[in-house]
Amino acid sequence: MKRLTGIPRREERTMGKNKIEAMFEQCGAILAGHFILTSGRHSDRYLEKALVYTDPERVSNLCFDLGSKVRGIRIEAVVGPAVGGVGLSLMTAYHIASLANYKVLSLFTEKNKEGKQTLKRGYQKLIAGKKVLIVDDILTTGGSVKEVADEVARAGGKVVAVAVLCNRGGIISEKLGYPLLHLWETNIESWTPEFCPLCQKGIPITNLK
């Protein structure tokens, strides 16, 4: 398989969790304020991964690290939730395929009318019988990736593991229901709306648009 021109592929280029945290900081991707997370919980810090994704080489290095986490384990498909997990799925599948020297599918889920992660576009047939790695960027409660993993299982795929860039919610494999791997683990507190101290102080919600 040909290498992508200009993208580092050597294992010594992988990044430890401290470097990943520093990368988020250098990108200005660690924001302070009063945020509503995808999970619906509130937090005083937000990881704006979109700022990290602006550099394709940086994303490639991150995905090489994700793929290296499962090196030696047969992975036949990588699935991520749209929108954030689409690029991660594509590049992680590429690196796993390059390391293992066989074809790996890159797929993604989308939200249905009820807001649940669903396999569409004929992906159910493609995933059946495959060993699957679920990838995502920021893990807070684990709800989204568990929806993706459960949807893959319903379609007949076997979820081997879940791999994320950052585990900010202290989620463990036993709680998720699947083996969990991460590149960076940090303790960023979050609260349900009724117990949010920022709401209680009357601090307005930070607009991310």
N, C-alpha and C. Protein backbone atom coordinates (compact mmCIF):
# COMPACT_ATOMS: atom_id res chain seq x y z
N MET A 1 0.85 -1.20 0.00
CA MET A 1 0.00 0.00 0.00
C MET A 1 0.89 1.25 0.00
N LYS A 2 0.56 2.21 -0.86
CA LYS A 2 1.35 3.42 -0.98
C LYS A 2 1.14 4.33 0.22
N ARG A 3 2.18 5.04 0.58
CA ARG A 3 2.09 6.00 1.67
C ARG A 3 1.52 7.30 1.17
N LEU A 4 0.82 8.03 2.03
CA LEU A 4 0.37 9.37 1.69
C LEU A 4 1.57 10.29 1.71
N THR A 5 1.80 10.98 0.63
CA THR A 5 2.98 11.84 0.50
C THR A 5 3.03 12.90 1.59
N GLY A 6 4.19 12.97 2.25
CA GLY A 6 4.40 14.04 3.22
C GLY A 6 3.85 13.76 4.60
N ILE A 7 3.22 12.60 4.82
CA ILE A 7 2.65 12.30 6.14
C ILE A 7 3.53 11.31 6.87
N PRO A 8 4.08 11.67 8.03
CA PRO A 8 4.97 10.79 8.77
C PRO A 8 4.28 9.49 9.12
N ARG A 9 5.01 8.38 9.02
CA ARG A 9 4.42 7.09 9.29
C ARG A 9 5.21 6.31 10.32
N ARG A 10 6.38 6.77 10.73
CA ARG A 10 7.23 5.99 11.62
C ARG A 10 6.67 5.96 13.03
N GLU A 11 6.81 4.81 13.66
CA GLU A 11 6.23 4.62 14.99
C GLU A 11 6.84 5.58 16.00
N GLU A 12 8.11 6.00 15.78
CA GLU A 12 8.72 6.90 16.75
C GLU A 12 8.09 8.29 16.72
N ARG A 13 7.22 8.57 15.74
CA ARG A 13 6.55 9.86 15.68
C ARG A 13 5.28 9.88 16.52
N THR A 14 4.91 8.78 17.15
CA THR A 14 3.70 8.75 17.96
C THR A 14 3.84 9.69 19.15
N MET A 15 2.68 10.14 19.69
CA MET A 15 2.67 11.16 20.73
C MET A 15 2.13 10.60 22.03
N GLY A 16 2.78 10.93 23.13
CA GLY A 16 2.28 10.55 24.43
C GLY A 16 1.18 11.50 24.85
N LYS A 17 0.49 11.15 25.94
CA LYS A 17 -0.68 11.95 26.33
C LYS A 17 -0.30 13.38 26.68
N ASN A 18 0.89 13.61 27.26
CA ASN A 18 1.28 14.97 27.60
C ASN A 18 1.46 15.82 26.34
N LYS A 19 1.98 15.23 25.29
CA LYS A 19 2.15 15.95 24.04
C LYS A 19 0.81 16.27 23.40
N ILE A 20 -0.14 15.37 23.56
CA ILE A 20 -1.47 15.60 22.99
C ILE A 20 -2.15 16.75 23.71
N GLU A 21 -2.04 16.77 25.04
CA GLU A 21 -2.58 17.89 25.80
C GLU A 21 -1.93 19.20 25.37
N ALA A 22 -0.61 19.17 25.21
CA ALA A 22 0.11 20.37 24.77
C ALA A 22 -0.34 20.79 23.38
N MET A 23 -0.64 19.82 22.51
CA MET A 23 -1.10 20.13 21.17
C MET A 23 -2.45 20.84 21.21
N PHE A 24 -3.36 20.36 22.06
CA PHE A 24 -4.65 21.03 22.20
C PHE A 24 -4.45 22.47 22.69
N GLU A 25 -3.53 22.64 23.64
CA GLU A 25 -3.27 23.98 24.15
C GLU A 25 -2.68 24.88 23.08
N GLN A 26 -1.72 24.37 22.31
CA GLN A 26 -1.08 25.15 21.26
C GLN A 26 -2.06 25.56 20.18
N CYS A 27 -3.08 24.72 19.95
CA CYS A 27 -4.09 25.03 18.94
C CYS A 27 -5.16 25.98 19.48
N GLY A 28 -5.08 26.30 20.77
CA GLY A 28 -6.13 27.10 21.39
C GLY A 28 -7.43 26.34 21.51
N ALA A 29 -7.31 25.02 21.62
CA ALA A 29 -8.49 24.15 21.60
C ALA A 29 -9.05 23.83 22.98
N ILE A 30 -8.41 24.33 24.05
CA ILE A 30 -8.94 24.14 25.41
C ILE A 30 -9.55 25.48 25.83
N LEU A 31 -10.87 25.55 25.82
CA LEU A 31 -11.58 26.80 26.05
C LEU A 31 -12.14 26.87 27.47
N ALA A 32 -12.20 28.06 28.02
CA ALA A 32 -12.79 28.28 29.34
C ALA A 32 -14.07 29.07 29.19
N GLY A 33 -15.09 28.72 29.99
CA GLY A 33 -16.37 29.41 29.92
C GLY A 33 -17.46 28.58 30.58
N HIS A 34 -18.65 28.64 30.03
CA HIS A 34 -19.80 27.86 30.52
C HIS A 34 -20.41 27.17 29.31
N PHE A 35 -20.16 25.88 29.20
CA PHE A 35 -20.49 25.16 27.98
C PHE A 35 -21.52 24.06 28.21
N ILE A 36 -22.35 23.84 27.20
CA ILE A 36 -23.23 22.68 27.18
C ILE A 36 -22.60 21.66 26.25
N LEU A 37 -22.24 20.49 26.79
CA LEU A 37 -21.58 19.45 26.02
C LEU A 37 -22.59 18.66 25.20
N THR A 38 -22.08 17.87 24.27
CA THR A 38 -22.95 17.04 23.44
C THR A 38 -23.83 16.13 24.28
N SER A 39 -23.30 15.70 25.41
CA SER A 39 -24.03 14.82 26.32
C SER A 39 -25.19 15.53 27.03
N GLY A 40 -25.20 16.88 26.96
CA GLY A 40 -26.20 17.66 27.68
C GLY A 40 -25.69 18.16 29.03
N ARG A 41 -24.55 17.64 29.47
CA ARG A 41 -23.97 18.09 30.73
C ARG A 41 -23.30 19.46 30.53
N HIS A 42 -23.08 20.16 31.64
CA HIS A 42 -22.44 21.47 31.60
C HIS A 42 -21.00 21.36 32.11
N SER A 43 -20.13 22.23 31.61
CA SER A 43 -18.74 22.22 32.05
C SER A 43 -18.14 23.61 31.92
N ASP A 44 -17.06 23.86 32.68
CA ASP A 44 -16.38 25.16 32.57
C ASP A 44 -15.21 25.10 31.59
N ARG A 45 -15.01 23.93 30.98
CA ARG A 45 -13.97 23.81 29.95
C ARG A 45 -14.51 23.00 28.77
N TYR A 46 -14.06 23.37 27.60
CA TYR A 46 -14.52 22.72 26.38
C TYR A 46 -13.32 22.43 25.49
N LEU A 47 -13.26 21.21 24.95
CA LEU A 47 -12.17 20.83 24.04
C LEU A 47 -12.67 20.98 22.61
N GLU A 48 -12.23 22.05 21.95
CA GLU A 48 -12.68 22.34 20.59
C GLU A 48 -11.79 21.60 19.60
N LYS A 49 -12.10 20.32 19.39
CA LYS A 49 -11.27 19.46 18.54
C LYS A 49 -11.23 19.94 17.08
N ALA A 50 -12.22 20.73 16.66
CA ALA A 50 -12.22 21.22 15.28
C ALA A 50 -10.97 22.03 14.98
N LEU A 51 -10.43 22.71 15.99
CA LEU A 51 -9.20 23.46 15.80
C LEU A 51 -8.00 22.54 15.61
N VAL A 52 -8.05 21.36 16.20
CA VAL A 52 -6.99 20.36 16.03
C VAL A 52 -7.07 19.76 14.63
N TYR A 53 -8.29 19.61 14.10
CA TYR A 53 -8.51 18.95 12.81
C TYR A 53 -8.11 19.81 11.61
N THR A 54 -7.72 21.06 11.83
CA THR A 54 -7.38 21.92 10.69
C THR A 54 -6.10 21.52 9.99
N ASP A 55 -5.26 20.71 10.66
CA ASP A 55 -3.98 20.29 10.10
C ASP A 55 -4.05 18.80 9.76
N PRO A 56 -4.12 18.42 8.48
CA PRO A 56 -4.23 17.00 8.10
C PRO A 56 -3.08 16.15 8.62
N GLU A 57 -1.87 16.70 8.65
CA GLU A 57 -0.73 15.92 9.14
C GLU A 57 -0.89 15.63 10.62
N ARG A 58 -1.38 16.60 11.38
CA ARG A 58 -1.62 16.40 12.80
C ARG A 58 -2.66 15.30 13.02
N VAL A 59 -3.73 15.34 12.25
CA VAL A 59 -4.79 14.33 12.36
C VAL A 59 -4.24 12.95 11.99
N SER A 60 -3.42 12.92 10.97
CA SER A 60 -2.82 11.64 10.57
C SER A 60 -1.98 11.05 11.68
N ASN A 61 -1.20 11.87 12.36
CA ASN A 61 -0.38 11.40 13.47
C ASN A 61 -1.24 10.87 14.61
N LEU A 62 -2.32 11.58 14.91
CA LEU A 62 -3.23 11.14 15.96
C LEU A 62 -3.85 9.79 15.61
N CYS A 63 -4.26 9.65 14.36
CA CYS A 63 -4.91 8.41 13.93
C CYS A 63 -3.92 7.27 13.84
N PHE A 64 -2.66 7.58 13.54
CA PHE A 64 -1.63 6.54 13.59
C PHE A 64 -1.49 6.02 15.01
N ASP A 65 -1.57 6.92 15.98
CA ASP A 65 -1.52 6.51 17.39
C ASP A 65 -2.72 5.64 17.75
N LEU A 66 -3.91 6.03 17.29
CA LEU A 66 -5.10 5.23 17.56
C LEU A 66 -4.94 3.83 16.96
N GLY A 67 -4.47 3.78 15.72
CA GLY A 67 -4.27 2.49 15.06
C GLY A 67 -3.21 1.64 15.74
N SER A 68 -2.17 2.31 16.26
CA SER A 68 -1.11 1.58 16.95
C SER A 68 -1.60 0.95 18.25
N LYS A 69 -2.66 1.52 18.84
CA LYS A 69 -3.22 0.98 20.07
C LYS A 69 -3.75 -0.44 19.87
N VAL A 70 -4.16 -0.76 18.65
CA VAL A 70 -4.72 -2.09 18.38
C VAL A 70 -3.81 -2.89 17.45
N ARG A 71 -2.56 -2.50 17.38
CA ARG A 71 -1.62 -3.22 16.52
C ARG A 71 -1.49 -4.66 17.01
N GLY A 72 -1.56 -5.59 16.10
CA GLY A 72 -1.49 -7.00 16.46
C GLY A 72 -2.87 -7.63 16.64
N ILE A 73 -3.91 -6.79 16.68
CA ILE A 73 -5.30 -7.28 16.76
C ILE A 73 -5.93 -7.09 15.39
N ARG A 74 -6.58 -8.11 14.88
CA ARG A 74 -7.18 -7.99 13.56
C ARG A 74 -8.41 -7.07 13.62
N ILE A 75 -8.34 -5.97 12.88
CA ILE A 75 -9.44 -5.02 12.75
C ILE A 75 -9.82 -4.99 11.27
N GLU A 76 -11.10 -5.21 10.98
CA GLU A 76 -11.54 -5.25 9.58
C GLU A 76 -12.36 -4.04 9.17
N ALA A 77 -12.79 -3.26 10.16
CA ALA A 77 -13.53 -2.03 9.86
C ALA A 77 -13.38 -1.07 11.03
N VAL A 78 -13.36 0.22 10.70
CA VAL A 78 -13.33 1.28 11.71
C VAL A 78 -14.58 2.12 11.53
N VAL A 79 -15.28 2.39 12.63
CA VAL A 79 -16.53 3.15 12.57
C VAL A 79 -16.47 4.30 13.55
N GLY A 80 -16.87 5.50 13.10
CA GLY A 80 -16.95 6.66 13.97
C GLY A 80 -18.27 7.37 13.77
N PRO A 81 -18.74 8.10 14.78
CA PRO A 81 -20.00 8.83 14.64
C PRO A 81 -19.81 10.13 13.85
N ALA A 82 -20.76 10.42 12.96
CA ALA A 82 -20.72 11.69 12.25
C ALA A 82 -21.11 12.82 13.23
N VAL A 83 -20.47 13.98 13.21
CA VAL A 83 -19.56 14.40 12.17
C VAL A 83 -18.11 14.15 12.60
N GLY A 84 -17.83 14.31 13.87
CA GLY A 84 -16.45 14.33 14.36
C GLY A 84 -15.67 13.06 14.11
N GLY A 85 -16.36 11.91 14.07
CA GLY A 85 -15.65 10.65 13.94
C GLY A 85 -15.38 10.20 12.52
N VAL A 86 -15.89 10.96 11.53
CA VAL A 86 -15.75 10.54 10.13
C VAL A 86 -14.29 10.57 9.69
N GLY A 87 -13.63 11.72 9.92
CA GLY A 87 -12.22 11.83 9.54
C GLY A 87 -11.34 10.88 10.32
N LEU A 88 -11.64 10.71 11.61
CA LEU A 88 -10.86 9.78 12.43
C LEU A 88 -11.00 8.35 11.92
N SER A 89 -12.22 7.98 11.54
CA SER A 89 -12.45 6.64 11.00
C SER A 89 -11.65 6.41 9.73
N LEU A 90 -11.69 7.38 8.84
CA LEU A 90 -11.00 7.25 7.55
C LEU A 90 -9.50 7.09 7.73
N MET A 91 -8.89 8.00 8.49
CA MET A 91 -7.44 7.98 8.61
C MET A 91 -6.95 6.84 9.50
N THR A 92 -7.71 6.48 10.54
CA THR A 92 -7.31 5.36 11.39
C THR A 92 -7.37 4.06 10.60
N ALA A 93 -8.41 3.89 9.78
CA ALA A 93 -8.51 2.70 8.93
C ALA A 93 -7.33 2.62 7.97
N TYR A 94 -6.94 3.77 7.44
CA TYR A 94 -5.78 3.80 6.53
C TYR A 94 -4.51 3.32 7.22
N HIS A 95 -4.26 3.82 8.42
CA HIS A 95 -3.04 3.46 9.12
C HIS A 95 -3.06 2.01 9.60
N ILE A 96 -4.21 1.53 10.06
CA ILE A 96 -4.30 0.12 10.47
C ILE A 96 -4.02 -0.78 9.27
N ALA A 97 -4.61 -0.43 8.13
CA ALA A 97 -4.41 -1.22 6.91
C ALA A 97 -2.94 -1.21 6.50
N SER A 98 -2.29 -0.07 6.62
CA SER A 98 -0.88 0.04 6.24
C SER A 98 0.02 -0.77 7.17
N LEU A 99 -0.30 -0.73 8.48
CA LEU A 99 0.50 -1.48 9.45
C LEU A 99 0.31 -2.99 9.31
N ALA A 100 -0.94 -3.39 9.00
CA ALA A 100 -1.26 -4.82 8.95
C ALA A 100 -1.18 -5.40 7.54
N ASN A 101 -1.15 -4.52 6.52
CA ASN A 101 -1.05 -4.93 5.13
C ASN A 101 -2.26 -5.73 4.65
N TYR A 102 -3.45 -5.26 5.03
CA TYR A 102 -4.68 -5.82 4.46
C TYR A 102 -5.74 -4.71 4.46
N LYS A 103 -6.82 -4.93 3.74
CA LYS A 103 -7.84 -3.91 3.58
C LYS A 103 -8.67 -3.73 4.85
N VAL A 104 -8.92 -2.46 5.21
CA VAL A 104 -9.76 -2.13 6.36
C VAL A 104 -10.80 -1.11 5.91
N LEU A 105 -12.07 -1.39 6.20
CA LEU A 105 -13.14 -0.48 5.82
C LEU A 105 -13.21 0.73 6.75
N SER A 106 -13.63 1.86 6.22
CA SER A 106 -13.89 3.06 7.01
C SER A 106 -15.35 3.42 6.85
N LEU A 107 -16.12 3.38 7.95
CA LEU A 107 -17.55 3.64 7.91
C LEU A 107 -17.91 4.66 9.00
N PHE A 108 -19.15 5.14 8.95
CA PHE A 108 -19.60 6.06 9.99
C PHE A 108 -21.09 5.90 10.24
N THR A 109 -21.52 6.33 11.42
CA THR A 109 -22.94 6.33 11.75
C THR A 109 -23.47 7.75 11.67
N GLU A 110 -24.78 7.86 11.54
CA GLU A 110 -25.46 9.16 11.51
C GLU A 110 -26.66 9.10 12.45
N LYS A 111 -27.09 10.25 12.92
CA LYS A 111 -28.24 10.29 13.81
C LYS A 111 -29.54 10.13 13.01
N ASN A 112 -30.45 9.31 13.54
CA ASN A 112 -31.76 9.17 12.92
C ASN A 112 -32.71 10.23 13.47
N LYS A 113 -33.98 10.14 13.16
CA LYS A 113 -34.95 11.14 13.58
C LYS A 113 -35.08 11.22 15.10
N GLU A 114 -34.78 10.10 15.76
CA GLU A 114 -34.85 10.08 17.23
C GLU A 114 -33.54 10.51 17.88
N GLY A 115 -32.55 10.88 17.04
CA GLY A 115 -31.27 11.33 17.56
C GLY A 115 -30.33 10.21 17.95
N LYS A 116 -30.60 8.98 17.50
CA LYS A 116 -29.76 7.83 17.82
C LYS A 116 -28.78 7.54 16.68
N GLN A 117 -27.57 7.11 17.04
CA GLN A 117 -26.56 6.79 16.04
C GLN A 117 -26.98 5.53 15.27
N THR A 118 -26.99 5.66 13.93
CA THR A 118 -27.52 4.59 13.09
C THR A 118 -26.62 4.37 11.88
N LEU A 119 -26.45 3.13 11.49
CA LEU A 119 -25.74 2.80 10.26
C LEU A 119 -26.70 2.96 9.09
N LYS A 120 -26.30 3.74 8.09
CA LYS A 120 -27.13 3.95 6.89
C LYS A 120 -26.30 3.62 5.65
N ARG A 121 -26.80 3.99 4.48
CA ARG A 121 -26.07 3.91 3.21
C ARG A 121 -25.62 2.49 2.86
N GLY A 122 -26.32 1.47 3.37
CA GLY A 122 -25.94 0.10 3.08
C GLY A 122 -24.80 -0.41 3.94
N TYR A 123 -24.40 0.37 4.95
CA TYR A 123 -23.28 -0.02 5.81
C TYR A 123 -23.60 -1.26 6.66
N GLN A 124 -24.89 -1.50 6.93
CA GLN A 124 -25.24 -2.67 7.75
C GLN A 124 -24.71 -3.96 7.10
N LYS A 125 -24.86 -4.06 5.78
CA LYS A 125 -24.40 -5.26 5.08
C LYS A 125 -22.88 -5.34 5.07
N LEU A 126 -22.22 -4.19 4.96
CA LEU A 126 -20.76 -4.18 4.91
C LEU A 126 -20.14 -4.57 6.24
N ILE A 127 -20.81 -4.22 7.35
CA ILE A 127 -20.23 -4.42 8.67
C ILE A 127 -20.48 -5.83 9.20
N ALA A 128 -21.47 -6.53 8.68
CA ALA A 128 -21.84 -7.85 9.19
C ALA A 128 -20.65 -8.81 9.14
N GLY A 129 -20.35 -9.43 10.27
CA GLY A 129 -19.27 -10.41 10.35
C GLY A 129 -17.88 -9.83 10.50
N LYS A 130 -17.77 -8.49 10.52
CA LYS A 130 -16.46 -7.84 10.60
C LYS A 130 -16.06 -7.57 12.05
N LYS A 131 -14.74 -7.59 12.29
CA LYS A 131 -14.19 -7.16 13.58
C LYS A 131 -13.97 -5.66 13.51
N VAL A 132 -14.55 -4.93 14.47
CA VAL A 132 -14.70 -3.48 14.33
C VAL A 132 -14.02 -2.73 15.48
N LEU A 133 -13.37 -1.63 15.11
CA LEU A 133 -12.86 -0.66 16.08
C LEU A 133 -13.74 0.58 15.99
N ILE A 134 -14.27 1.03 17.13
CA ILE A 134 -15.03 2.28 17.19
C ILE A 134 -14.08 3.41 17.57
N VAL A 135 -14.11 4.52 16.85
CA VAL A 135 -13.24 5.66 17.17
C VAL A 135 -14.10 6.92 17.37
N ASP A 136 -13.62 7.79 18.25
CA ASP A 136 -14.27 9.08 18.46
C ASP A 136 -13.24 10.03 19.05
N ASP A 137 -13.61 11.30 19.17
CA ASP A 137 -12.66 12.30 19.65
C ASP A 137 -12.69 12.46 21.17
N ILE A 138 -13.76 13.06 21.71
CA ILE A 138 -13.82 13.36 23.14
C ILE A 138 -14.87 12.48 23.82
N LEU A 139 -14.46 11.79 24.86
CA LEU A 139 -15.37 10.91 25.61
C LEU A 139 -15.72 11.56 26.93
N THR A 140 -17.01 11.84 27.13
CA THR A 140 -17.46 12.45 28.39
C THR A 140 -18.28 11.46 29.21
N THR A 141 -19.41 11.02 28.64
CA THR A 141 -20.23 10.02 29.34
C THR A 141 -20.15 8.66 28.68
N GLY A 142 -19.69 8.62 27.43
CA GLY A 142 -19.62 7.37 26.69
C GLY A 142 -20.90 7.04 25.95
N GLY A 143 -21.90 7.90 26.05
CA GLY A 143 -23.20 7.62 25.44
C GLY A 143 -23.15 7.45 23.93
N SER A 144 -22.47 8.36 23.25
CA SER A 144 -22.44 8.32 21.78
C SER A 144 -21.70 7.10 21.26
N VAL A 145 -20.51 6.83 21.81
CA VAL A 145 -19.74 5.69 21.30
C VAL A 145 -20.42 4.36 21.65
N LYS A 146 -21.12 4.32 22.77
CA LYS A 146 -21.85 3.10 23.11
C LYS A 146 -23.01 2.89 22.14
N GLU A 147 -23.67 3.97 21.73
CA GLU A 147 -24.71 3.86 20.72
C GLU A 147 -24.14 3.31 19.41
N VAL A 148 -22.97 3.82 19.02
CA VAL A 148 -22.33 3.36 17.79
C VAL A 148 -21.96 1.87 17.92
N ALA A 149 -21.35 1.51 19.03
CA ALA A 149 -20.93 0.12 19.24
C ALA A 149 -22.13 -0.81 19.26
N ASP A 150 -23.20 -0.41 19.92
CA ASP A 150 -24.40 -1.25 19.99
C ASP A 150 -25.05 -1.39 18.61
N GLU A 151 -25.02 -0.31 17.82
CA GLU A 151 -25.57 -0.36 16.47
C GLU A 151 -24.75 -1.31 15.59
N VAL A 152 -23.44 -1.26 15.73
CA VAL A 152 -22.57 -2.19 14.99
C VAL A 152 -22.88 -3.63 15.38
N ALA A 153 -23.05 -3.87 16.67
CA ALA A 153 -23.36 -5.22 17.15
C ALA A 153 -24.70 -5.70 16.59
N ARG A 154 -25.69 -4.81 16.53
CA ARG A 154 -27.00 -5.18 15.98
C ARG A 154 -26.90 -5.55 14.51
N ALA A 155 -25.96 -4.94 13.81
CA ALA A 155 -25.78 -5.22 12.38
C ALA A 155 -24.93 -6.46 12.13
N GLY A 156 -24.49 -7.10 13.21
CA GLY A 156 -23.72 -8.32 13.06
C GLY A 156 -22.22 -8.14 13.09
N GLY A 157 -21.75 -6.93 13.40
CA GLY A 157 -20.31 -6.70 13.56
C GLY A 157 -19.87 -7.04 14.97
N LYS A 158 -18.60 -7.36 15.12
CA LYS A 158 -18.05 -7.67 16.45
C LYS A 158 -17.15 -6.52 16.88
N VAL A 159 -17.56 -5.78 17.91
CA VAL A 159 -16.77 -4.66 18.39
C VAL A 159 -15.58 -5.17 19.19
N VAL A 160 -14.38 -4.91 18.68
CA VAL A 160 -13.15 -5.35 19.34
C VAL A 160 -12.75 -4.37 20.44
N ALA A 161 -12.91 -3.06 20.16
CA ALA A 161 -12.51 -2.04 21.14
C ALA A 161 -13.06 -0.69 20.73
N VAL A 162 -13.01 0.25 21.66
CA VAL A 162 -13.32 1.66 21.41
C VAL A 162 -12.04 2.45 21.68
N ALA A 163 -11.66 3.33 20.75
CA ALA A 163 -10.45 4.14 20.91
C ALA A 163 -10.80 5.61 20.72
N VAL A 164 -10.39 6.46 21.66
CA VAL A 164 -10.73 7.88 21.59
C VAL A 164 -9.48 8.73 21.77
N LEU A 165 -9.54 9.96 21.27
CA LEU A 165 -8.43 10.89 21.47
C LEU A 165 -8.30 11.26 22.94
N CYS A 166 -9.43 11.63 23.56
CA CYS A 166 -9.39 12.10 24.94
C CYS A 166 -10.54 11.52 25.75
N ASN A 167 -10.21 10.93 26.88
CA ASN A 167 -11.20 10.46 27.85
C ASN A 167 -11.26 11.51 28.95
N ARG A 168 -12.25 12.38 28.87
CA ARG A 168 -12.36 13.48 29.83
C ARG A 168 -13.36 13.17 30.94
N GLY A 169 -14.03 12.02 30.84
CA GLY A 169 -15.07 11.71 31.79
C GLY A 169 -14.74 10.60 32.76
N GLY A 170 -13.47 10.13 32.73
CA GLY A 170 -13.08 9.04 33.63
C GLY A 170 -13.82 7.75 33.34
N ILE A 171 -14.21 7.56 32.08
CA ILE A 171 -14.95 6.36 31.70
C ILE A 171 -14.02 5.16 31.68
N ILE A 172 -14.50 4.02 32.18
CA ILE A 172 -13.72 2.79 32.17
C ILE A 172 -14.42 1.76 31.30
N SER A 173 -13.66 0.74 30.90
CA SER A 173 -14.18 -0.28 29.99
C SER A 173 -15.43 -0.94 30.53
N GLU A 174 -15.44 -1.22 31.84
CA GLU A 174 -16.57 -1.91 32.44
C GLU A 174 -17.86 -1.10 32.32
N LYS A 175 -17.75 0.21 32.45
CA LYS A 175 -18.93 1.07 32.33
C LYS A 175 -19.39 1.16 30.89
N LEU A 176 -18.45 1.21 29.97
CA LEU A 176 -18.78 1.33 28.56
C LEU A 176 -19.34 0.03 28.00
N GLY A 177 -18.83 -1.09 28.50
CA GLY A 177 -19.27 -2.38 28.00
C GLY A 177 -18.37 -2.94 26.91
N TYR A 178 -17.33 -2.19 26.55
CA TYR A 178 -16.38 -2.61 25.53
C TYR A 178 -14.97 -2.18 25.97
N PRO A 179 -13.93 -2.88 25.53
CA PRO A 179 -12.57 -2.46 25.86
C PRO A 179 -12.33 -1.03 25.39
N LEU A 180 -11.78 -0.19 26.27
CA LEU A 180 -11.60 1.23 25.97
C LEU A 180 -10.13 1.60 25.97
N LEU A 181 -9.72 2.30 24.91
CA LEU A 181 -8.35 2.79 24.76
C LEU A 181 -8.42 4.30 24.53
N HIS A 182 -7.43 5.03 25.04
CA HIS A 182 -7.42 6.48 24.83
C HIS A 182 -5.97 6.96 24.68
N LEU A 183 -5.82 8.11 24.02
CA LEU A 183 -4.50 8.72 23.87
C LEU A 183 -4.21 9.71 24.99
N TRP A 184 -5.27 10.28 25.55
CA TRP A 184 -5.10 11.29 26.60
C TRP A 184 -6.26 11.17 27.57
N GLU A 185 -5.97 11.09 28.86
CA GLU A 185 -6.99 11.06 29.88
C GLU A 185 -6.82 12.26 30.78
N THR A 186 -7.90 13.02 30.97
CA THR A 186 -7.84 14.20 31.82
C THR A 186 -9.13 14.30 32.60
N ASN A 187 -9.08 14.90 33.76
CA ASN A 187 -10.25 15.01 34.62
C ASN A 187 -10.83 16.41 34.49
N ILE A 188 -11.78 16.57 33.58
CA ILE A 188 -12.48 17.84 33.40
C ILE A 188 -13.89 17.65 33.93
N GLU A 189 -14.20 18.35 35.00
CA GLU A 189 -15.48 18.14 35.67
C GLU A 189 -16.65 18.63 34.81
N SER A 190 -17.76 17.93 34.93
CA SER A 190 -19.00 18.35 34.27
C SER A 190 -20.17 18.03 35.19
N TRP A 191 -21.30 18.70 34.93
CA TRP A 191 -22.45 18.55 35.82
C TRP A 191 -23.73 18.46 35.00
N THR A 192 -24.74 17.80 35.56
CA THR A 192 -26.07 17.87 34.98
C THR A 192 -26.59 19.29 35.19
N PRO A 193 -27.48 19.77 34.32
CA PRO A 193 -27.93 21.17 34.41
C PRO A 193 -28.45 21.58 35.78
N GLU A 194 -29.17 20.68 36.44
CA GLU A 194 -29.76 21.05 37.74
C GLU A 194 -28.72 21.22 38.85
N PHE A 195 -27.53 20.64 38.65
CA PHE A 195 -26.48 20.76 39.66
C PHE A 195 -25.29 21.58 39.18
N CYS A 196 -25.46 22.31 38.09
CA CYS A 196 -24.36 23.09 37.52
C CYS A 196 -24.09 24.33 38.38
N PRO A 197 -22.90 24.47 38.97
CA PRO A 197 -22.59 25.65 39.79
C PRO A 197 -22.52 26.92 38.97
N LEU A 198 -22.23 26.81 37.68
CA LEU A 198 -22.18 27.99 36.82
C LEU A 198 -23.59 28.55 36.59
N CYS A 199 -24.54 27.64 36.40
CA CYS A 199 -25.93 28.07 36.26
C CYS A 199 -26.42 28.73 37.56
N GLN A 200 -26.03 28.14 38.68
CA GLN A 200 -26.46 28.66 39.98
C GLN A 200 -25.90 30.06 40.23
N LYS A 201 -24.75 30.36 39.64
CA LYS A 201 -24.14 31.70 39.78
C LYS A 201 -24.65 32.66 38.72
N GLY A 202 -25.48 32.15 37.80
CA GLY A 202 -26.03 33.02 36.75
C GLY A 202 -25.07 33.33 35.64
N ILE A 203 -24.02 32.50 35.49
CA ILE A 203 -23.04 32.72 34.42
C ILE A 203 -23.65 32.28 33.09
N PRO A 204 -23.70 33.15 32.09
CA PRO A 204 -24.36 32.80 30.83
C PRO A 204 -23.63 31.70 30.07
N ILE A 205 -24.38 30.98 29.25
CA ILE A 205 -23.80 29.92 28.40
C ILE A 205 -22.89 30.54 27.36
N THR A 206 -21.73 29.95 27.16
CA THR A 206 -20.79 30.43 26.14
C THR A 206 -21.25 29.98 24.76
N ASN A 207 -21.35 30.93 23.84
CA ASN A 207 -21.78 30.62 22.47
C ASN A 207 -20.56 30.15 21.67
N LEU A 208 -20.62 28.92 21.17
CA LEU A 208 -19.50 28.36 20.42
C LEU A 208 -19.59 28.63 18.93
N LYS A 209 -20.66 29.25 18.46
CA LYS A 209 -20.82 29.48 17.02
C LYS A 209 -19.93 30.61 16.56
